[in-house]
Amino acid sequence: MKKRVHVIVKGKVQGVFFRYNTMKVAQSLGIKGWVRNLRDGSVEIVCEGEDKDIDELIKWCWRGPPGAFVEKVDIKEEEYVGEFSNFEIRY
């Protein structure tokens, strides 16, 4: 089953290659969507994919790449749209 999530990752998640590594993990799982930094220091992810793959990405978000310190991961499920053709970093 496919799902879509809107995720906000808070903590020390900028300046540690969080976006790049999120993109690589998402691509390896076949997840489509995007990731970007927010002005408040958090990272925002909107993505779509299979339930189990999305769950795996969220589990990874709690760890992040080396150097990251994740304090909180807010997850909001949204209606699956199928609008993305790849996973990218947005600026």
Protein backbone atom coordinates (compact mmCIF):
# COMPACT_ATOMS: atom_id res chain seq x y z
CA MET A 1 0.00 0.00 0.00
CA LYS A 2 1.27 3.47 -0.88
CA LYS A 3 1.34 6.42 1.47
CA ARG A 4 2.50 10.01 1.68
CA VAL A 5 4.05 11.69 4.70
CA HIS A 6 5.12 15.19 5.65
CA VAL A 7 8.03 14.99 8.10
CA ILE A 8 9.81 17.65 10.15
CA VAL A 9 13.11 16.57 11.73
CA LYS A 10 14.37 18.75 14.59
CA GLY A 11 17.70 18.90 16.35
CA LYS A 12 21.23 19.32 14.98
CA VAL A 13 20.23 18.36 11.45
CA GLN A 14 21.71 21.13 9.29
CA GLY A 15 25.38 21.24 8.34
CA VAL A 16 25.74 17.45 8.74
CA PHE A 17 24.72 16.34 5.20
CA PHE A 18 21.24 15.37 6.43
CA ARG A 19 19.52 16.36 3.16
CA TYR A 20 22.02 14.55 0.94
CA ASN A 21 21.88 11.38 3.02
CA THR A 22 18.07 11.53 3.19
CA MET A 23 18.01 11.70 -0.60
CA LYS A 24 20.35 8.70 -0.93
CA VAL A 25 18.33 6.59 1.55
CA ALA A 26 15.04 7.55 -0.11
CA GLN A 27 16.37 6.75 -3.57
CA SER A 28 17.66 3.36 -2.39
CA LEU A 29 14.17 2.58 -1.05
CA GLY A 30 12.37 3.76 -4.20
CA ILE A 31 10.74 6.69 -2.38
CA LYS A 32 9.85 9.81 -4.33
CA GLY A 33 9.55 13.38 -3.02
CA TRP A 34 11.86 16.04 -1.66
CA VAL A 35 13.85 17.30 1.33
CA ARG A 36 14.85 20.85 2.29
CA ASN A 37 16.26 22.90 5.16
CA LEU A 38 13.95 25.24 7.03
CA ARG A 39 14.95 28.61 8.48
CA ASP A 40 14.40 27.41 12.05
CA GLY A 41 17.20 24.82 11.68
CA SER A 42 14.97 21.82 11.05
CA VAL A 43 14.67 19.66 7.93
CA GLU A 44 11.40 19.12 6.05
CA ILE A 45 10.61 16.02 3.98
CA VAL A 46 7.56 15.32 1.82
CA CYS A 47 7.59 11.88 0.27
CA GLU A 48 5.54 9.06 -1.17
CA GLY A 49 6.16 5.35 -1.44
CA GLU A 50 5.29 1.92 -0.13
CA ASP A 51 4.30 1.76 3.56
CA LYS A 52 7.27 -0.36 4.59
CA ASP A 53 9.74 1.84 2.70
CA ILE A 54 8.35 5.06 4.21
CA ASP A 55 8.56 3.45 7.67
CA GLU A 56 12.21 2.55 6.98
CA LEU A 57 13.02 6.14 5.95
CA ILE A 58 11.35 7.50 9.09
CA LYS A 59 13.35 5.06 11.21
CA TRP A 60 16.51 6.35 9.52
CA CYS A 61 15.43 9.96 10.19
CA TRP A 62 15.57 9.25 13.94
CA ARG A 63 19.29 8.39 13.56
CA GLY A 64 20.35 10.60 10.67
CA PRO A 65 23.88 10.71 9.30
CA PRO A 66 27.02 10.86 11.47
CA GLY A 67 27.18 14.23 13.22
CA ALA A 68 23.42 14.67 13.44
CA PHE A 69 21.59 14.82 16.75
CA VAL A 70 17.88 14.25 16.21
CA GLU A 71 15.65 15.53 19.01
CA LYS A 72 12.23 15.09 17.42
CA VAL A 73 10.57 13.74 14.27
CA ASP A 74 7.07 15.05 13.57
CA ILE A 75 5.13 12.92 11.07
CA LYS A 76 1.86 13.83 9.41
CA GLU A 77 0.25 11.35 7.02
CA GLU A 78 -1.35 12.91 3.98
CA GLU A 79 -3.38 11.57 1.09
CA TYR A 80 -1.25 9.77 -1.50
CA VAL A 81 -1.15 11.78 -4.72
CA GLY A 82 1.57 10.19 -6.85
CA GLU A 83 2.90 13.57 -7.96
CA PHE A 84 6.66 12.93 -7.74
CA SER A 85 8.90 11.33 -10.36
CA ASN A 86 12.08 11.24 -8.24
CA PHE A 87 13.55 12.31 -4.89
CA GLU A 88 15.39 15.62 -4.80
CA ILE A 89 16.92 18.25 -2.56
CA ARG A 90 15.05 21.54 -2.70
CA TYR A 91 16.55 24.90 -1.81
